Amino acid sequence: MAWASDYWTVVGDTLCHTYLEAIIEPENQLLRTMFLMDLNATIRRLQSSDVHEEEIIEDNVRISENQDSIELQYNPNDNFLRELQGVALSKKLQELQVPIEARGSLVDTILFRASEFEWKYQASRKILRMRVEVDLYVIDDDTDGGVETCDYGVSRFVPASALPVEKLRRTRAEVSSTVGSEATLMPCSHLYHGHCIV
């Protein structure tokens, strides 16, 4: 299932701050280090009309703060466990409305900081309580492009908004030596008829 936030466009830098709040000695010996992470995602939503030439107009920013917690186990020598942690953390960030384009780097940053805390404080097989704060700007436009799913499960495409369309390069595609047509060049270097791709 796709979430609406997966089609938001991230604007500017995504900030991620991690804090170690406590190291807890467990009552029973743990097989692995345990992380209890309190996640707070601040999403600053803009309409595409609020962004002009890389400058953000703050007047109409809608802020939503989403919070949740997750428990993760840590073992520096277990790559499979690390991948499972990454998937679980990415899913939790999705539930907090963090767009898909920001989640990969956030997962890497959070897991790296968790391993740093474990190593720095020699907290192997202990419980580390962490606070993670994510802060980012997104363009929240109902016509931001992407795919929506109707009530009966059939997907339909959503037209792109003006901002992404304006950034696309126009070129001339030669169909034959005498016939040419204006085309739109996508970032992936594919050419499309301008009206069709929009």
N, C-alpha and C. Protein backbone atom coordinates (compact mmCIF):
# COMPACT_ATOMS: atom_id res chain seq x y z
N MET A 1 0.85 -1.19 0.00
CA MET A 1 0.00 0.00 0.00
C MET A 1 0.88 1.24 0.00
N ALA A 2 0.60 2.18 -0.88
CA ALA A 2 1.35 3.43 -0.93
C ALA A 2 0.71 4.45 0.00
N TRP A 3 1.54 5.20 0.68
CA TRP A 3 1.07 6.26 1.58
C TRP A 3 1.14 7.57 0.82
N ALA A 4 0.25 8.50 1.16
CA ALA A 4 0.24 9.81 0.49
C ALA A 4 1.59 10.49 0.61
N SER A 5 2.25 10.34 1.77
CA SER A 5 3.54 11.00 1.98
C SER A 5 4.63 10.47 1.07
N ASP A 6 4.45 9.26 0.50
CA ASP A 6 5.46 8.72 -0.41
C ASP A 6 5.57 9.54 -1.69
N TYR A 7 4.55 10.35 -1.99
CA TYR A 7 4.57 11.17 -3.20
C TYR A 7 4.91 12.63 -2.91
N TRP A 8 5.20 12.95 -1.66
CA TRP A 8 5.64 14.29 -1.34
C TRP A 8 7.08 14.46 -1.81
N THR A 9 7.43 15.67 -2.21
CA THR A 9 8.79 15.97 -2.64
C THR A 9 9.52 16.66 -1.48
N VAL A 10 10.66 16.12 -1.10
CA VAL A 10 11.44 16.72 -0.02
C VAL A 10 12.15 17.95 -0.56
N VAL A 11 12.09 19.05 0.20
CA VAL A 11 12.71 20.31 -0.19
C VAL A 11 13.79 20.64 0.84
N GLY A 12 15.00 20.92 0.37
CA GLY A 12 16.07 21.27 1.30
C GLY A 12 16.64 20.04 2.00
N ASP A 13 17.38 20.29 3.08
CA ASP A 13 18.03 19.22 3.81
C ASP A 13 17.08 18.58 4.82
N THR A 14 17.25 17.27 4.99
CA THR A 14 16.53 16.55 6.04
C THR A 14 17.43 16.51 7.26
N LEU A 15 16.94 17.04 8.37
CA LEU A 15 17.74 17.06 9.60
C LEU A 15 17.41 15.84 10.45
N CYS A 16 18.44 15.26 11.05
CA CYS A 16 18.26 14.11 11.92
C CYS A 16 19.20 14.26 13.11
N HIS A 17 18.63 14.38 14.29
CA HIS A 17 19.42 14.50 15.52
C HIS A 17 19.13 13.29 16.39
N THR A 18 20.20 12.69 16.91
CA THR A 18 20.04 11.53 17.79
C THR A 18 20.67 11.84 19.15
N TYR A 19 19.99 11.39 20.18
CA TYR A 19 20.46 11.64 21.55
C TYR A 19 20.40 10.34 22.33
N LEU A 20 21.42 10.07 23.10
CA LEU A 20 21.39 8.93 24.02
C LEU A 20 20.85 9.46 25.34
N GLU A 21 19.72 8.93 25.76
CA GLU A 21 19.06 9.43 26.96
C GLU A 21 19.39 8.61 28.20
N ALA A 22 19.65 7.30 28.02
CA ALA A 22 19.94 6.46 29.19
C ALA A 22 20.58 5.14 28.75
N ILE A 23 21.41 4.62 29.62
CA ILE A 23 21.93 3.26 29.47
C ILE A 23 21.38 2.48 30.65
N ILE A 24 20.61 1.44 30.34
CA ILE A 24 19.91 0.68 31.37
C ILE A 24 20.56 -0.70 31.50
N GLU A 25 20.89 -1.05 32.71
CA GLU A 25 21.42 -2.39 33.00
C GLU A 25 20.23 -3.34 33.08
N PRO A 26 20.17 -4.36 32.22
CA PRO A 26 19.01 -5.26 32.23
C PRO A 26 19.01 -6.17 33.47
N GLU A 27 17.81 -6.59 33.87
CA GLU A 27 17.71 -7.51 35.00
C GLU A 27 18.29 -8.87 34.65
N ASN A 28 18.03 -9.32 33.43
CA ASN A 28 18.58 -10.58 32.94
C ASN A 28 19.58 -10.29 31.84
N GLN A 29 20.57 -11.15 31.67
CA GLN A 29 21.58 -10.91 30.65
C GLN A 29 20.96 -11.02 29.26
N LEU A 30 21.26 -10.04 28.43
CA LEU A 30 20.75 -10.02 27.06
C LEU A 30 21.74 -10.71 26.12
N LEU A 31 21.22 -11.31 25.05
CA LEU A 31 22.09 -11.89 24.03
C LEU A 31 22.70 -10.79 23.14
N ARG A 32 21.95 -9.68 23.00
CA ARG A 32 22.38 -8.57 22.15
C ARG A 32 22.05 -7.25 22.85
N THR A 33 22.66 -6.21 22.35
CA THR A 33 22.31 -4.86 22.82
C THR A 33 20.91 -4.54 22.33
N MET A 34 20.12 -3.88 23.14
CA MET A 34 18.75 -3.51 22.80
C MET A 34 18.65 -1.99 22.75
N PHE A 35 18.05 -1.47 21.68
CA PHE A 35 17.81 -0.04 21.55
C PHE A 35 16.32 0.23 21.67
N LEU A 36 15.97 1.14 22.55
CA LEU A 36 14.61 1.65 22.65
C LEU A 36 14.65 3.06 22.08
N MET A 37 14.05 3.25 20.91
CA MET A 37 14.13 4.54 20.23
C MET A 37 12.78 5.24 20.25
N ASP A 38 12.79 6.47 20.75
CA ASP A 38 11.63 7.35 20.67
C ASP A 38 11.83 8.24 19.45
N LEU A 39 10.95 8.10 18.47
CA LEU A 39 11.08 8.83 17.21
C LEU A 39 10.10 9.99 17.16
N ASN A 40 10.58 11.15 16.74
CA ASN A 40 9.73 12.31 16.55
C ASN A 40 10.02 12.89 15.17
N ALA A 41 9.01 12.90 14.30
CA ALA A 41 9.18 13.43 12.95
C ALA A 41 8.36 14.70 12.80
N THR A 42 9.04 15.80 12.52
CA THR A 42 8.37 17.08 12.27
C THR A 42 8.36 17.29 10.76
N ILE A 43 7.16 17.29 10.19
CA ILE A 43 6.99 17.45 8.75
C ILE A 43 6.43 18.84 8.50
N ARG A 44 7.18 19.64 7.76
CA ARG A 44 6.75 21.01 7.43
C ARG A 44 6.26 20.99 5.98
N ARG A 45 4.92 21.04 5.83
CA ARG A 45 4.32 20.87 4.51
C ARG A 45 4.05 22.21 3.85
N LEU A 46 4.49 22.30 2.61
CA LEU A 46 4.30 23.49 1.79
C LEU A 46 3.49 23.12 0.56
N GLN A 47 2.81 24.07 0.00
CA GLN A 47 2.23 23.89 -1.33
C GLN A 47 3.30 24.28 -2.33
N SER A 48 3.22 23.78 -3.55
CA SER A 48 4.26 24.09 -4.54
C SER A 48 4.36 25.59 -4.78
N SER A 49 3.27 26.33 -4.58
CA SER A 49 3.29 27.78 -4.78
C SER A 49 4.09 28.50 -3.69
N ASP A 50 4.43 27.78 -2.59
CA ASP A 50 5.19 28.38 -1.50
C ASP A 50 6.70 28.28 -1.70
N VAL A 51 7.13 27.67 -2.82
CA VAL A 51 8.55 27.46 -3.07
C VAL A 51 8.90 28.15 -4.39
N HIS A 52 9.80 29.12 -4.33
CA HIS A 52 10.20 29.85 -5.53
C HIS A 52 11.70 29.91 -5.60
N GLU A 53 12.25 29.33 -6.70
CA GLU A 53 13.69 29.38 -6.96
C GLU A 53 14.51 29.05 -5.72
N GLU A 54 14.27 27.88 -5.16
CA GLU A 54 15.02 27.36 -4.02
C GLU A 54 14.81 28.16 -2.73
N GLU A 55 13.85 29.08 -2.72
CA GLU A 55 13.58 29.86 -1.51
C GLU A 55 12.20 29.47 -0.99
N ILE A 56 12.12 29.18 0.28
CA ILE A 56 10.87 28.71 0.87
C ILE A 56 10.13 29.88 1.51
N ILE A 57 8.86 30.02 1.18
CA ILE A 57 8.01 31.05 1.79
C ILE A 57 7.33 30.40 2.99
N GLU A 58 7.63 30.90 4.18
CA GLU A 58 7.19 30.26 5.43
C GLU A 58 5.75 30.58 5.82
N ASP A 59 5.08 31.49 5.12
CA ASP A 59 3.76 31.94 5.55
C ASP A 59 2.73 30.83 5.70
N ASN A 60 2.71 29.89 4.77
CA ASN A 60 1.65 28.89 4.75
C ASN A 60 2.14 27.49 5.13
N VAL A 61 3.18 27.40 5.91
CA VAL A 61 3.71 26.10 6.31
C VAL A 61 2.75 25.42 7.27
N ARG A 62 2.40 24.18 6.96
CA ARG A 62 1.58 23.37 7.86
C ARG A 62 2.50 22.36 8.52
N ILE A 63 2.54 22.37 9.83
CA ILE A 63 3.47 21.51 10.57
C ILE A 63 2.70 20.37 11.21
N SER A 64 3.21 19.16 11.00
CA SER A 64 2.65 18.02 11.73
C SER A 64 3.80 17.33 12.45
N GLU A 65 3.55 16.98 13.70
CA GLU A 65 4.54 16.25 14.49
C GLU A 65 3.98 14.88 14.79
N ASN A 66 4.74 13.86 14.42
CA ASN A 66 4.32 12.49 14.60
C ASN A 66 5.34 11.78 15.47
N GLN A 67 4.85 11.02 16.44
CA GLN A 67 5.75 10.35 17.39
C GLN A 67 5.40 8.88 17.51
N ASP A 68 6.43 8.08 17.73
CA ASP A 68 6.24 6.65 17.97
C ASP A 68 7.54 6.11 18.55
N SER A 69 7.52 4.86 18.94
CA SER A 69 8.70 4.20 19.50
C SER A 69 8.95 2.89 18.79
N ILE A 70 10.19 2.43 18.86
CA ILE A 70 10.54 1.15 18.26
C ILE A 70 11.65 0.51 19.10
N GLU A 71 11.65 -0.80 19.18
CA GLU A 71 12.71 -1.56 19.84
C GLU A 71 13.52 -2.26 18.77
N LEU A 72 14.83 -2.13 18.85
CA LEU A 72 15.72 -2.79 17.90
C LEU A 72 16.84 -3.50 18.64
N GLN A 73 17.22 -4.67 18.15
CA GLN A 73 18.37 -5.38 18.70
C GLN A 73 19.59 -5.05 17.84
N TYR A 74 20.77 -5.09 18.46
CA TYR A 74 21.99 -4.72 17.74
C TYR A 74 23.06 -5.79 17.93
N ASN A 75 23.67 -6.18 16.84
CA ASN A 75 24.83 -7.05 16.86
C ASN A 75 25.71 -6.63 15.70
N PRO A 76 26.92 -6.09 15.97
CA PRO A 76 27.75 -5.53 14.90
C PRO A 76 28.19 -6.58 13.88
N ASN A 77 28.15 -7.86 14.23
CA ASN A 77 28.63 -8.89 13.31
C ASN A 77 27.51 -9.59 12.54
N ASP A 78 26.28 -9.14 12.70
CA ASP A 78 25.15 -9.81 12.07
C ASP A 78 24.52 -8.89 11.02
N ASN A 79 24.94 -9.03 9.76
CA ASN A 79 24.43 -8.19 8.67
C ASN A 79 22.95 -8.42 8.41
N PHE A 80 22.50 -9.68 8.55
CA PHE A 80 21.09 -9.98 8.33
C PHE A 80 20.21 -9.25 9.35
N LEU A 81 20.63 -9.26 10.61
CA LEU A 81 19.89 -8.56 11.66
C LEU A 81 19.86 -7.06 11.37
N ARG A 82 20.97 -6.51 10.89
CA ARG A 82 21.02 -5.08 10.55
C ARG A 82 20.03 -4.75 9.44
N GLU A 83 19.92 -5.64 8.44
CA GLU A 83 18.96 -5.41 7.36
C GLU A 83 17.53 -5.45 7.89
N LEU A 84 17.25 -6.40 8.79
CA LEU A 84 15.92 -6.46 9.39
C LEU A 84 15.61 -5.20 10.18
N GLN A 85 16.62 -4.69 10.91
CA GLN A 85 16.44 -3.44 11.66
C GLN A 85 16.11 -2.30 10.70
N GLY A 86 16.84 -2.26 9.58
CA GLY A 86 16.62 -1.21 8.59
C GLY A 86 15.21 -1.23 8.03
N VAL A 87 14.70 -2.42 7.74
CA VAL A 87 13.34 -2.55 7.22
C VAL A 87 12.33 -2.10 8.28
N ALA A 88 12.50 -2.54 9.51
CA ALA A 88 11.57 -2.17 10.59
C ALA A 88 11.60 -0.66 10.83
N LEU A 89 12.79 -0.07 10.83
CA LEU A 89 12.92 1.36 11.05
C LEU A 89 12.32 2.16 9.90
N SER A 90 12.54 1.69 8.67
CA SER A 90 11.96 2.35 7.50
C SER A 90 10.44 2.32 7.55
N LYS A 91 9.88 1.19 7.95
CA LYS A 91 8.42 1.07 8.07
C LYS A 91 7.89 2.03 9.13
N LYS A 92 8.60 2.14 10.24
CA LYS A 92 8.17 3.05 11.31
C LYS A 92 8.23 4.51 10.82
N LEU A 93 9.28 4.87 10.08
CA LEU A 93 9.39 6.23 9.52
C LEU A 93 8.25 6.49 8.53
N GLN A 94 7.88 5.47 7.77
CA GLN A 94 6.75 5.61 6.85
C GLN A 94 5.47 5.91 7.62
N GLU A 95 5.27 5.21 8.73
CA GLU A 95 4.08 5.46 9.56
C GLU A 95 4.09 6.86 10.13
N LEU A 96 5.28 7.45 10.29
CA LEU A 96 5.39 8.82 10.80
C LEU A 96 5.32 9.85 9.67
N GLN A 97 4.97 9.41 8.46
CA GLN A 97 4.79 10.24 7.28
C GLN A 97 6.08 10.80 6.69
N VAL A 98 7.20 10.14 6.95
CA VAL A 98 8.47 10.55 6.33
C VAL A 98 8.46 10.02 4.90
N PRO A 99 8.64 10.89 3.89
CA PRO A 99 8.60 10.44 2.50
C PRO A 99 9.68 9.40 2.19
N ILE A 100 9.39 8.57 1.20
CA ILE A 100 10.27 7.47 0.84
C ILE A 100 11.67 7.95 0.44
N GLU A 101 11.76 9.11 -0.23
CA GLU A 101 13.06 9.58 -0.70
C GLU A 101 14.00 9.97 0.43
N ALA A 102 13.46 10.20 1.63
CA ALA A 102 14.30 10.57 2.78
C ALA A 102 14.60 9.39 3.69
N ARG A 103 13.81 8.33 3.59
CA ARG A 103 13.92 7.24 4.57
C ARG A 103 15.25 6.48 4.52
N GLY A 104 15.77 6.20 3.33
CA GLY A 104 17.00 5.42 3.22
C GLY A 104 18.17 6.04 3.97
N SER A 105 18.41 7.32 3.72
CA SER A 105 19.53 7.99 4.39
C SER A 105 19.28 8.14 5.89
N LEU A 106 18.01 8.34 6.27
CA LEU A 106 17.69 8.44 7.70
C LEU A 106 17.94 7.12 8.42
N VAL A 107 17.54 6.02 7.82
CA VAL A 107 17.77 4.71 8.42
C VAL A 107 19.27 4.49 8.63
N ASP A 108 20.07 4.79 7.60
CA ASP A 108 21.53 4.63 7.70
C ASP A 108 22.10 5.49 8.83
N THR A 109 21.67 6.74 8.90
CA THR A 109 22.16 7.66 9.94
C THR A 109 21.79 7.17 11.34
N ILE A 110 20.54 6.77 11.51
CA ILE A 110 20.08 6.34 12.84
C ILE A 110 20.81 5.08 13.30
N LEU A 111 20.94 4.10 12.40
CA LEU A 111 21.61 2.86 12.78
C LEU A 111 23.11 3.09 13.03
N PHE A 112 23.71 4.00 12.27
CA PHE A 112 25.12 4.32 12.50
C PHE A 112 25.30 4.97 13.87
N ARG A 113 24.44 5.93 14.20
CA ARG A 113 24.54 6.61 15.49
C ARG A 113 24.29 5.63 16.65
N ALA A 114 23.36 4.70 16.45
CA ALA A 114 23.09 3.68 17.49
C ALA A 114 24.35 2.85 17.74
N SER A 115 25.01 2.42 16.66
CA SER A 115 26.23 1.61 16.84
C SER A 115 27.35 2.43 17.48
N GLU A 116 27.41 3.73 17.15
CA GLU A 116 28.40 4.62 17.79
C GLU A 116 28.17 4.72 19.29
N PHE A 117 26.90 4.90 19.69
CA PHE A 117 26.59 4.97 21.12
C PHE A 117 26.98 3.68 21.83
N GLU A 118 26.68 2.54 21.22
CA GLU A 118 26.99 1.25 21.83
C GLU A 118 28.50 1.10 22.02
N TRP A 119 29.26 1.50 21.00
CA TRP A 119 30.72 1.37 21.05
C TRP A 119 31.33 2.39 22.02
N LYS A 120 30.89 3.65 21.91
CA LYS A 120 31.47 4.74 22.71
C LYS A 120 31.27 4.51 24.21
N TYR A 121 30.10 4.04 24.59
CA TYR A 121 29.79 3.88 26.01
C TYR A 121 29.97 2.43 26.48
N GLN A 122 30.58 1.60 25.63
CA GLN A 122 30.84 0.20 25.95
C GLN A 122 29.60 -0.43 26.58
N ALA A 123 28.50 -0.29 25.87
CA ALA A 123 27.20 -0.71 26.41
C ALA A 123 26.72 -2.01 25.78
N SER A 124 27.64 -2.88 25.43
CA SER A 124 27.26 -4.16 24.84
C SER A 124 26.34 -4.94 25.77
N ARG A 125 25.27 -5.48 25.21
CA ARG A 125 24.28 -6.28 25.93
C ARG A 125 23.55 -5.50 27.01
N LYS A 126 23.42 -4.20 26.79
CA LYS A 126 22.64 -3.34 27.69
C LYS A 126 21.47 -2.76 26.89
N ILE A 127 20.63 -2.03 27.56
CA ILE A 127 19.50 -1.36 26.90
C ILE A 127 19.84 0.12 26.77
N LEU A 128 19.86 0.61 25.55
CA LEU A 128 20.16 2.02 25.31
C LEU A 128 18.88 2.72 24.87
N ARG A 129 18.50 3.74 25.61
CA ARG A 129 17.32 4.52 25.25
C ARG A 129 17.79 5.72 24.44
N MET A 130 17.26 5.84 23.22
CA MET A 130 17.63 6.91 22.30
C MET A 130 16.42 7.76 21.95
N ARG A 131 16.70 9.02 21.68
CA ARG A 131 15.68 9.91 21.12
C ARG A 131 16.17 10.33 19.74
N VAL A 132 15.29 10.21 18.75
CA VAL A 132 15.62 10.56 17.37
C VAL A 132 14.65 11.62 16.91
N GLU A 133 15.17 12.76 16.45
CA GLU A 133 14.33 13.85 15.96
C GLU A 133 14.64 14.11 14.49
N VAL A 134 13.61 13.99 13.68
CA VAL A 134 13.71 14.21 12.24
C VAL A 134 12.91 15.46 11.91
N ASP A 135 13.47 16.31 11.07
CA ASP A 135 12.80 17.57 10.70
C ASP A 135 13.02 17.79 9.21
N LEU A 136 11.92 17.95 8.46
CA LEU A 136 12.09 18.17 7.02
C LEU A 136 10.93 18.94 6.42
N TYR A 137 11.20 19.55 5.28
CA TYR A 137 10.20 20.26 4.49
C TYR A 137 9.79 19.39 3.32
N VAL A 138 8.49 19.38 3.01
CA VAL A 138 8.01 18.66 1.85
C VAL A 138 7.03 19.54 1.08
N ILE A 139 6.91 19.28 -0.21
CA ILE A 139 5.86 19.90 -1.00
C ILE A 139 4.67 18.95 -0.94
N ASP A 140 3.59 19.44 -0.37
CA ASP A 140 2.36 18.67 -0.20
C ASP A 140 1.34 19.24 -1.17
N ASP A 141 1.24 18.62 -2.32
CA ASP A 141 0.34 19.11 -3.37
C ASP A 141 -0.46 17.92 -3.86
N ASP A 142 -1.77 18.02 -3.88
CA ASP A 142 -2.61 16.90 -4.33
C ASP A 142 -2.30 16.47 -5.75
N THR A 143 -1.70 17.36 -6.53
CA THR A 143 -1.35 17.01 -7.90
C THR A 143 0.16 16.99 -8.06
N ASP A 144 0.84 16.41 -7.11
CA ASP A 144 2.30 16.37 -7.11
C ASP A 144 2.86 15.28 -7.98
N GLY A 145 1.99 14.50 -8.62
CA GLY A 145 2.46 13.42 -9.47
C GLY A 145 2.54 12.13 -8.70
N GLY A 146 2.32 11.03 -9.38
CA GLY A 146 2.41 9.73 -8.74
C GLY A 146 1.21 8.89 -9.08
N VAL A 147 0.96 7.88 -8.27
CA VAL A 147 -0.15 6.97 -8.52
C VAL A 147 -1.04 6.94 -7.30
N GLU A 148 -2.32 7.06 -7.51
CA GLU A 148 -3.28 6.93 -6.42
C GLU A 148 -4.05 5.64 -6.60
N THR A 149 -4.50 5.06 -5.51
CA THR A 149 -5.31 3.86 -5.59
C THR A 149 -6.75 4.21 -5.25
N CYS A 150 -7.66 3.84 -6.13
CA CYS A 150 -9.08 4.11 -5.91
C CYS A 150 -9.63 3.13 -4.87
N ASP A 151 -10.86 3.37 -4.42
CA ASP A 151 -11.49 2.52 -3.42
C ASP A 151 -11.53 1.05 -3.82
N TYR A 152 -11.68 0.79 -5.10
CA TYR A 152 -11.82 -0.58 -5.56
C TYR A 152 -10.49 -1.19 -6.00
N GLY A 153 -9.38 -0.55 -5.63
CA GLY A 153 -8.06 -1.15 -5.82
C GLY A 153 -7.42 -0.93 -7.17
N VAL A 154 -8.01 -0.12 -8.04
CA VAL A 154 -7.42 0.13 -9.36
C VAL A 154 -6.58 1.39 -9.27
N SER A 155 -5.36 1.34 -9.79
CA SER A 155 -4.48 2.50 -9.74
C SER A 155 -4.79 3.45 -10.87
N ARG A 156 -4.65 4.75 -10.58
CA ARG A 156 -4.78 5.76 -11.63
C ARG A 156 -3.66 6.76 -11.44
N PHE A 157 -3.14 7.30 -12.54
CA PHE A 157 -2.05 8.25 -12.46
C PHE A 157 -2.58 9.63 -12.10
N VAL A 158 -1.77 10.37 -11.36
CA VAL A 158 -2.10 11.73 -10.95
C VAL A 158 -1.21 12.67 -11.74
N PRO A 159 -1.76 13.70 -12.37
CA PRO A 159 -0.92 14.62 -13.14
C PRO A 159 0.10 15.33 -12.25
N ALA A 160 1.24 15.65 -12.82
CA ALA A 160 2.28 16.35 -12.08
C ALA A 160 1.87 17.80 -11.87
N SER A 161 2.35 18.41 -10.79
CA SER A 161 2.07 19.82 -10.53
C SER A 161 3.01 20.68 -11.37
N ALA A 162 2.77 21.96 -11.35
CA ALA A 162 3.52 22.88 -12.20
C ALA A 162 5.00 22.93 -11.88
N LEU A 163 5.38 22.87 -10.60
CA LEU A 163 6.78 23.02 -10.22
C LEU A 163 7.68 21.94 -10.83
N PRO A 164 7.38 20.64 -10.69
CA PRO A 164 8.24 19.64 -11.31
C PRO A 164 8.24 19.73 -12.84
N VAL A 165 7.09 20.07 -13.42
CA VAL A 165 6.98 20.15 -14.88
C VAL A 165 7.85 21.27 -15.42
N GLU A 166 7.88 22.41 -14.72
CA GLU A 166 8.69 23.54 -15.17
C GLU A 166 10.18 23.21 -15.21
N LYS A 167 10.61 22.28 -14.35
CA LYS A 167 12.03 21.93 -14.27
C LYS A 167 12.48 20.97 -15.37
N LEU A 168 11.53 20.36 -16.10
CA LEU A 168 11.89 19.42 -17.16
C LEU A 168 12.43 20.16 -18.38
N ARG A 169 13.40 19.54 -19.04
CA ARG A 169 14.02 20.15 -20.22
C ARG A 169 13.24 19.80 -21.48
N ARG A 170 13.04 20.77 -22.34
CA ARG A 170 12.37 20.55 -23.63
C ARG A 170 13.45 20.41 -24.69
N THR A 171 13.22 19.51 -25.63
CA THR A 171 14.18 19.30 -26.72
C THR A 171 13.41 18.94 -27.98
N ARG A 172 14.12 18.77 -29.06
CA ARG A 172 13.48 18.40 -30.33
C ARG A 172 13.91 16.98 -30.66
N ALA A 173 12.93 16.11 -30.88
CA ALA A 173 13.21 14.72 -31.25
C ALA A 173 12.99 14.55 -32.73
N GLU A 174 13.99 14.01 -33.41
CA GLU A 174 13.90 13.78 -34.85
C GLU A 174 13.30 12.41 -35.10
N VAL A 175 12.11 12.38 -35.69
CA VAL A 175 11.45 11.12 -36.03
C VAL A 175 12.03 10.56 -37.31
N SER A 176 12.27 11.42 -38.28
CA SER A 176 12.94 11.06 -39.54
C SER A 176 13.75 12.26 -39.99
N SER A 177 14.38 12.16 -41.14
CA SER A 177 15.23 13.27 -41.59
C SER A 177 14.43 14.54 -41.87
N THR A 178 13.12 14.41 -42.10
CA THR A 178 12.30 15.59 -42.40
C THR A 178 11.25 15.90 -41.34
N VAL A 179 11.03 14.98 -40.44
CA VAL A 179 9.97 15.18 -39.44
C VAL A 179 10.58 15.23 -38.05
N GLY A 180 10.21 16.26 -37.30
CA GLY A 180 10.68 16.39 -35.93
C GLY A 180 9.53 16.77 -35.03
N SER A 181 9.70 16.60 -33.74
CA SER A 181 8.64 16.92 -32.80
C SER A 181 9.28 17.37 -31.49
N GLU A 182 8.60 18.31 -30.80
CA GLU A 182 9.11 18.73 -29.51
C GLU A 182 8.88 17.62 -28.50
N ALA A 183 9.88 17.35 -27.67
CA ALA A 183 9.79 16.29 -26.66
C ALA A 183 10.25 16.82 -25.32
N THR A 184 9.86 16.11 -24.28
CA THR A 184 10.27 16.45 -22.92
C THR A 184 11.29 15.43 -22.47
N LEU A 185 12.42 15.91 -21.96
CA LEU A 185 13.51 15.04 -21.51
C LEU A 185 13.38 14.83 -20.01
N MET A 186 13.22 13.58 -19.60
CA MET A 186 13.10 13.23 -18.19
C MET A 186 14.50 13.18 -17.56
N PRO A 187 14.61 13.25 -16.22
CA PRO A 187 15.91 13.15 -15.56
C PRO A 187 16.63 11.83 -15.87
N CYS A 188 15.86 10.79 -16.23
CA CYS A 188 16.46 9.49 -16.56
C CYS A 188 16.91 9.43 -18.01
N SER A 189 16.79 10.54 -18.77
CA SER A 189 17.20 10.68 -20.17
C SER A 189 16.22 10.07 -21.16
N HIS A 190 15.05 9.64 -20.74
CA HIS A 190 14.03 9.16 -21.66
C HIS A 190 13.29 10.37 -22.23
N LEU A 191 12.87 10.26 -23.50
CA LEU A 191 12.12 11.33 -24.15
C LEU A 191 10.65 10.94 -24.26
N TYR A 192 9.78 11.92 -24.03
CA TYR A 192 8.34 11.69 -24.14
C TYR A 192 7.70 12.90 -24.79
N HIS A 193 6.54 12.68 -25.41
CA HIS A 193 5.74 13.79 -25.88
C HIS A 193 5.35 14.61 -24.66
N GLY A 194 5.50 15.92 -24.74
CA GLY A 194 5.31 16.78 -23.59
C GLY A 194 3.98 16.61 -22.89
N HIS A 195 2.88 16.62 -23.66
CA HIS A 195 1.56 16.51 -23.06
C HIS A 195 1.37 15.13 -22.40
N CYS A 196 1.87 14.09 -23.04
CA CYS A 196 1.67 12.73 -22.54
C CYS A 196 2.36 12.52 -21.19
N ILE A 197 3.58 13.00 -21.04
CA ILE A 197 4.32 12.75 -19.79
C ILE A 197 3.74 13.55 -18.63
N VAL A 198 3.21 14.74 -18.92
CA VAL A 198 2.59 15.53 -17.85
C VAL A 198 1.29 14.88 -17.42
